[in-house]
Amino acid sequence: MSQELGFAFLGGWLLGVIFTFFKLPLPVPPFQGLVAAAAVLLGQVTYNFIKERFAL
């Protein structure tokens, strides 16, 4: 999982450099969108935890 996070971070960083170089607006959602995305990921982790813990 840490390797996936590293690739995601590297990809985001690279896109940030490219978009800034070409003076394009960054394709990121407002803060509320980032919070919603984090909540979705938390829900996924919670589901996997419950599934493994209770062997559903």
PDB file of N, CA and C in Angstrom:
ATOM      1  N   MET A   1       0.820  -1.196   0.000  1.00  0.00           N
ATOM      2  CA  MET A   1       0.000   0.000   0.000  1.00  0.00           C
ATOM      3  C   MET A   1       0.860   1.254   0.000  1.00  0.00           C
ATOM      4  N   SER A   2       1.991   1.246   0.688  1.00  0.00           N
ATOM      5  CA  SER A   2       2.832   2.432   0.724  1.00  0.00           C
ATOM      6  C   SER A   2       3.435   2.727  -0.648  1.00  0.00           C
ATOM      7  N   GLN A   3       3.675   1.683  -1.432  1.00  0.00           N
ATOM      8  CA  GLN A   3       4.193   1.899  -2.779  1.00  0.00           C
ATOM      9  C   GLN A   3       3.132   2.590  -3.647  1.00  0.00           C
ATOM     10  N   GLU A   4       1.873   2.199  -3.488  1.00  0.00           N
ATOM     11  CA  GLU A   4       0.788   2.842  -4.225  1.00  0.00           C
ATOM     12  C   GLU A   4       0.670   4.308  -3.837  1.00  0.00           C
ATOM     13  N   LEU A   5       0.790   4.595  -2.545  1.00  0.00           N
ATOM     14  CA  LEU A   5       0.726   5.983  -2.093  1.00  0.00           C
ATOM     15  C   LEU A   5       1.892   6.791  -2.650  1.00  0.00           C
ATOM     16  N   GLY A   6       3.061   6.180  -2.708  1.00  0.00           N
ATOM     17  CA  GLY A   6       4.222   6.862  -3.274  1.00  0.00           C
ATOM     18  C   GLY A   6       4.032   7.189  -4.741  1.00  0.00           C
ATOM     19  N   PHE A   7       3.495   6.228  -5.497  1.00  0.00           N
ATOM     20  CA  PHE A   7       3.239   6.476  -6.922  1.00  0.00           C
ATOM     21  C   PHE A   7       2.163   7.541  -7.106  1.00  0.00           C
ATOM     22  N   ALA A   8       1.139   7.519  -6.272  1.00  0.00           N
ATOM     23  CA  ALA A   8       0.079   8.524  -6.354  1.00  0.00           C
ATOM     24  C   ALA A   8       0.642   9.916  -6.063  1.00  0.00           C
ATOM     25  N   PHE A   9       1.476  10.007  -5.041  1.00  0.00           N
ATOM     26  CA  PHE A   9       2.089  11.291  -4.693  1.00  0.00           C
ATOM     27  C   PHE A   9       3.000  11.766  -5.813  1.00  0.00           C
ATOM     28  N   LEU A  10       3.821  10.867  -6.346  1.00  0.00           N
ATOM     29  CA  LEU A  10       4.740  11.231  -7.433  1.00  0.00           C
ATOM     30  C   LEU A  10       3.969  11.666  -8.673  1.00  0.00           C
ATOM     31  N   GLY A  11       2.906  10.951  -9.011  1.00  0.00           N
ATOM     32  CA  GLY A  11       2.092  11.327 -10.163  1.00  0.00           C
ATOM     33  C   GLY A  11       1.439  12.685  -9.980  1.00  0.00           C
ATOM     34  N   GLY A  12       0.908  12.940  -8.791  1.00  0.00           N
ATOM     35  CA  GLY A  12       0.300  14.244  -8.505  1.00  0.00           C
ATOM     36  C   GLY A  12       1.315  15.363  -8.559  1.00  0.00           C
ATOM     37  N   TRP A  13       2.495  15.109  -8.020  1.00  0.00           N
ATOM     38  CA  TRP A  13       3.558  16.115  -8.055  1.00  0.00           C
ATOM     39  C   TRP A  13       3.960  16.430  -9.494  1.00  0.00           C
ATOM     40  N   LEU A  14       4.120  15.383 -10.299  1.00  0.00           N
ATOM     41  CA  LEU A  14       4.509  15.573 -11.697  1.00  0.00           C
ATOM     42  C   LEU A  14       3.449  16.365 -12.456  1.00  0.00           C
ATOM     43  N   LEU A  15       2.182  16.036 -12.251  1.00  0.00           N
ATOM     44  CA  LEU A  15       1.116  16.793 -12.904  1.00  0.00           C
ATOM     45  C   LEU A  15       1.104  18.246 -12.439  1.00  0.00           C
ATOM     46  N   GLY A  16       1.357  18.482 -11.164  1.00  0.00           N
ATOM     47  CA  GLY A  16       1.429  19.855 -10.658  1.00  0.00           C
ATOM     48  C   GLY A  16       2.524  20.646 -11.350  1.00  0.00           C
ATOM     49  N   VAL A  17       3.688  20.020 -11.543  1.00  0.00           N
ATOM     50  CA  VAL A  17       4.798  20.690 -12.239  1.00  0.00           C
ATOM     51  C   VAL A  17       4.418  20.998 -13.685  1.00  0.00           C
ATOM     52  N   ILE A  18       3.833  20.020 -14.372  1.00  0.00           N
ATOM     53  CA  ILE A  18       3.467  20.200 -15.786  1.00  0.00           C
ATOM     54  C   ILE A  18       2.405  21.285 -15.935  1.00  0.00           C
ATOM     55  N   PHE A  19       1.352  21.231 -15.117  1.00  0.00           N
ATOM     56  CA  PHE A  19       0.287  22.229 -15.223  1.00  0.00           C
ATOM     57  C   PHE A  19       0.812  23.629 -14.916  1.00  0.00           C
ATOM     58  N   THR A  20       1.697  23.751 -13.928  1.00  0.00           N
ATOM     59  CA  THR A  20       2.253  25.050 -13.594  1.00  0.00           C
ATOM     60  C   THR A  20       3.158  25.551 -14.707  1.00  0.00           C
ATOM     61  N   PHE A  21       3.935  24.668 -15.319  1.00  0.00           N
ATOM     62  CA  PHE A  21       4.815  25.048 -16.421  1.00  0.00           C
ATOM     63  C   PHE A  21       4.023  25.647 -17.573  1.00  0.00           C
ATOM     64  N   PHE A  22       2.887  25.023 -17.897  1.00  0.00           N
ATOM     65  CA  PHE A  22       2.054  25.505 -18.994  1.00  0.00           C
ATOM     66  C   PHE A  22       1.039  26.566 -18.543  1.00  0.00           C
ATOM     67  N   LYS A  23       1.145  26.991 -17.265  1.00  0.00           N
ATOM     68  CA  LYS A  23       0.269  28.014 -16.701  1.00  0.00           C
ATOM     69  C   LYS A  23      -1.216  27.654 -16.829  1.00  0.00           C
ATOM     70  N   LEU A  24      -1.526  26.392 -16.565  1.00  0.00           N
ATOM     71  CA  LEU A  24      -2.894  25.905 -16.590  1.00  0.00           C
ATOM     72  C   LEU A  24      -3.438  25.873 -15.165  1.00  0.00           C
ATOM     73  N   PRO A  25      -4.737  26.027 -14.995  1.00  0.00           N
ATOM     74  CA  PRO A  25      -5.291  25.895 -13.639  1.00  0.00           C
ATOM     75  C   PRO A  25      -5.176  24.443 -13.168  1.00  0.00           C
ATOM     76  N   LEU A  26      -4.873  24.282 -11.915  1.00  0.00           N
ATOM     77  CA  LEU A  26      -4.714  22.929 -11.374  1.00  0.00           C
ATOM     78  C   LEU A  26      -6.063  22.224 -11.298  1.00  0.00           C
ATOM     79  N   PRO A  27      -6.126  20.962 -11.736  1.00  0.00           N
ATOM     80  CA  PRO A  27      -7.401  20.226 -11.741  1.00  0.00           C
ATOM     81  C   PRO A  27      -7.703  19.571 -10.403  1.00  0.00           C
ATOM     82  N   VAL A  28      -7.833  20.387  -9.372  1.00  0.00           N
ATOM     83  CA  VAL A  28      -8.133  19.838  -8.046  1.00  0.00           C
ATOM     84  C   VAL A  28      -9.486  20.358  -7.588  1.00  0.00           C
ATOM     85  N   PRO A  29     -10.236  19.528  -6.893  1.00  0.00           N
ATOM     86  CA  PRO A  29     -11.537  19.979  -6.398  1.00  0.00           C
ATOM     87  C   PRO A  29     -11.348  20.928  -5.218  1.00  0.00           C
ATOM     88  N   PRO A  30     -12.391  21.648  -4.873  1.00  0.00           N
ATOM     89  CA  PRO A  30     -12.302  22.473  -3.668  1.00  0.00           C
ATOM     90  C   PRO A  30     -12.099  21.585  -2.438  1.00  0.00           C
ATOM     91  N   PHE A  31     -11.844  22.212  -1.332  1.00  0.00           N
ATOM     92  CA  PHE A  31     -11.527  21.486  -0.098  1.00  0.00           C
ATOM     93  C   PHE A  31     -12.607  20.469   0.257  1.00  0.00           C
ATOM     94  N   GLN A  32     -13.867  20.812   0.044  1.00  0.00           N
ATOM     95  CA  GLN A  32     -14.952  19.895   0.371  1.00  0.00           C
ATOM     96  C   GLN A  32     -14.850  18.614  -0.453  1.00  0.00           C
ATOM     97  N   GLY A  33     -14.404  18.712  -1.697  1.00  0.00           N
ATOM     98  CA  GLY A  33     -14.230  17.537  -2.537  1.00  0.00           C
ATOM     99  C   GLY A  33     -13.131  16.630  -1.997  1.00  0.00           C
ATOM    100  N   LEU A  34     -12.070  17.242  -1.495  1.00  0.00           N
ATOM    101  CA  LEU A  34     -10.977  16.447  -0.923  1.00  0.00           C
ATOM    102  C   LEU A  34     -11.429  15.740   0.354  1.00  0.00           C
ATOM    103  N   VAL A  35     -12.234  16.426   1.145  1.00  0.00           N
ATOM    104  CA  VAL A  35     -12.759  15.802   2.371  1.00  0.00           C
ATOM    105  C   VAL A  35     -13.675  14.641   2.006  1.00  0.00           C
ATOM    106  N   ALA A  36     -14.505  14.820   0.995  1.00  0.00           N
ATOM    107  CA  ALA A  36     -15.400  13.742   0.567  1.00  0.00           C
ATOM    108  C   ALA A  36     -14.604  12.541   0.058  1.00  0.00           C
ATOM    109  N   ALA A  37     -13.538  12.798  -0.707  1.00  0.00           N
ATOM    110  CA  ALA A  37     -12.701  11.704  -1.205  1.00  0.00           C
ATOM    111  C   ALA A  37     -12.044  10.962  -0.044  1.00  0.00           C
ATOM    112  N   ALA A  38     -11.585  11.695   0.962  1.00  0.00           N
ATOM    113  CA  ALA A  38     -10.989  11.057   2.139  1.00  0.00           C
ATOM    114  C   ALA A  38     -12.030  10.213   2.873  1.00  0.00           C
ATOM    115  N   ALA A  39     -13.266  10.692   2.935  1.00  0.00           N
ATOM    116  CA  ALA A  39     -14.329   9.936   3.602  1.00  0.00           C
ATOM    117  C   ALA A  39     -14.634   8.640   2.853  1.00  0.00           C
ATOM    118  N   VAL A  40     -14.594   8.695   1.535  1.00  0.00           N
ATOM    119  CA  VAL A  40     -14.818   7.477   0.741  1.00  0.00           C
ATOM    120  C   VAL A  40     -13.717   6.465   1.026  1.00  0.00           C
ATOM    121  N   LEU A  41     -12.480   6.922   1.065  1.00  0.00           N
ATOM    122  CA  LEU A  41     -11.366   6.011   1.366  1.00  0.00           C
ATOM    123  C   LEU A  41     -11.492   5.438   2.776  1.00  0.00           C
ATOM    124  N   LEU A  42     -11.900   6.263   3.723  1.00  0.00           N
ATOM    125  CA  LEU A  42     -12.100   5.789   5.093  1.00  0.00           C
ATOM    126  C   LEU A  42     -13.207   4.740   5.146  1.00  0.00           C
ATOM    127  N   GLY A  43     -14.253   4.949   4.374  1.00  0.00           N
ATOM    128  CA  GLY A  43     -15.327   3.959   4.305  1.00  0.00           C
ATOM    129  C   GLY A  43     -14.837   2.638   3.740  1.00  0.00           C
ATOM    130  N   GLN A  44     -13.978   2.694   2.739  1.00  0.00           N
ATOM    131  CA  GLN A  44     -13.412   1.476   2.157  1.00  0.00           C
ATOM    132  C   GLN A  44     -12.563   0.736   3.182  1.00  0.00           C
ATOM    133  N   VAL A  45     -11.734   1.461   3.899  1.00  0.00           N
ATOM    134  CA  VAL A  45     -10.886   0.845   4.918  1.00  0.00           C
ATOM    135  C   VAL A  45     -11.749   0.241   6.026  1.00  0.00           C
ATOM    136  N   THR A  46     -12.794   0.953   6.435  1.00  0.00           N
ATOM    137  CA  THR A  46     -13.687   0.454   7.480  1.00  0.00           C
ATOM    138  C   THR A  46     -14.374  -0.825   7.043  1.00  0.00           C
ATOM    139  N   TYR A  47     -14.882  -0.849   5.821  1.00  0.00           N
ATOM    140  CA  TYR A  47     -15.549  -2.043   5.306  1.00  0.00           C
ATOM    141  C   TYR A  47     -14.591  -3.234   5.298  1.00  0.00           C
ATOM    142  N   ASN A  48     -13.367  -3.023   4.794  1.00  0.00           N
ATOM    143  CA  ASN A  48     -12.385  -4.118   4.749  1.00  0.00           C
ATOM    144  C   ASN A  48     -12.036  -4.604   6.147  1.00  0.00           C
ATOM    145  N   PHE A  49     -11.940  -3.679   7.115  1.00  0.00           N
ATOM    146  CA  PHE A  49     -11.655  -4.059   8.494  1.00  0.00           C
ATOM    147  C   PHE A  49     -12.775  -4.926   9.055  1.00  0.00           C
ATOM    148  N   ILE A  50     -14.019  -4.484   8.859  1.00  0.00           N
ATOM    149  CA  ILE A  50     -15.166  -5.246   9.370  1.00  0.00           C
ATOM    150  C   ILE A  50     -15.237  -6.615   8.696  1.00  0.00           C
ATOM    151  N   LYS A  51     -15.014  -6.644   7.392  1.00  0.00           N
ATOM    152  CA  LYS A  51     -15.069  -7.913   6.649  1.00  0.00           C
ATOM    153  C   LYS A  51     -14.018  -8.897   7.164  1.00  0.00           C
ATOM    154  N   GLU A  52     -12.806  -8.427   7.394  1.00  0.00           N
ATOM    155  CA  GLU A  52     -11.743  -9.318   7.888  1.00  0.00           C
ATOM    156  C   GLU A  52     -11.964  -9.687   9.357  1.00  0.00           C
ATOM    157  N   ARG A  53     -12.424  -8.741  10.149  1.00  0.00           N
ATOM    158  CA  ARG A  53     -12.571  -8.980  11.586  1.00  0.00           C
ATOM    159  C   ARG A  53     -13.688  -9.972  11.883  1.00  0.00           C
ATOM    160  N   PHE A  54     -14.787  -9.854  11.161  1.00  0.00           N
ATOM    161  CA  PHE A  54     -15.940 -10.700  11.423  1.00  0.00           C
ATOM    162  C   PHE A  54     -16.139 -11.775  10.373  1.00  0.00           C
ATOM    163  N   ALA A  55     -15.220 -11.890   9.422  1.00  0.00           N
ATOM    164  CA  ALA A  55     -15.230 -12.931   8.384  1.00  0.00           C
ATOM    165  C   ALA A  55     -16.572 -13.028   7.672  1.00  0.00           C
ATOM    166  N   LEU A  56     -16.999 -11.902   7.144  1.00  0.00           N
ATOM    167  CA  LEU A  56     -18.284 -11.881   6.418  1.00  0.00           C
ATOM    168  C   LEU A  56     -18.134 -12.452   5.038  1.00  0.00           C
TER     169      LEU A  56
END
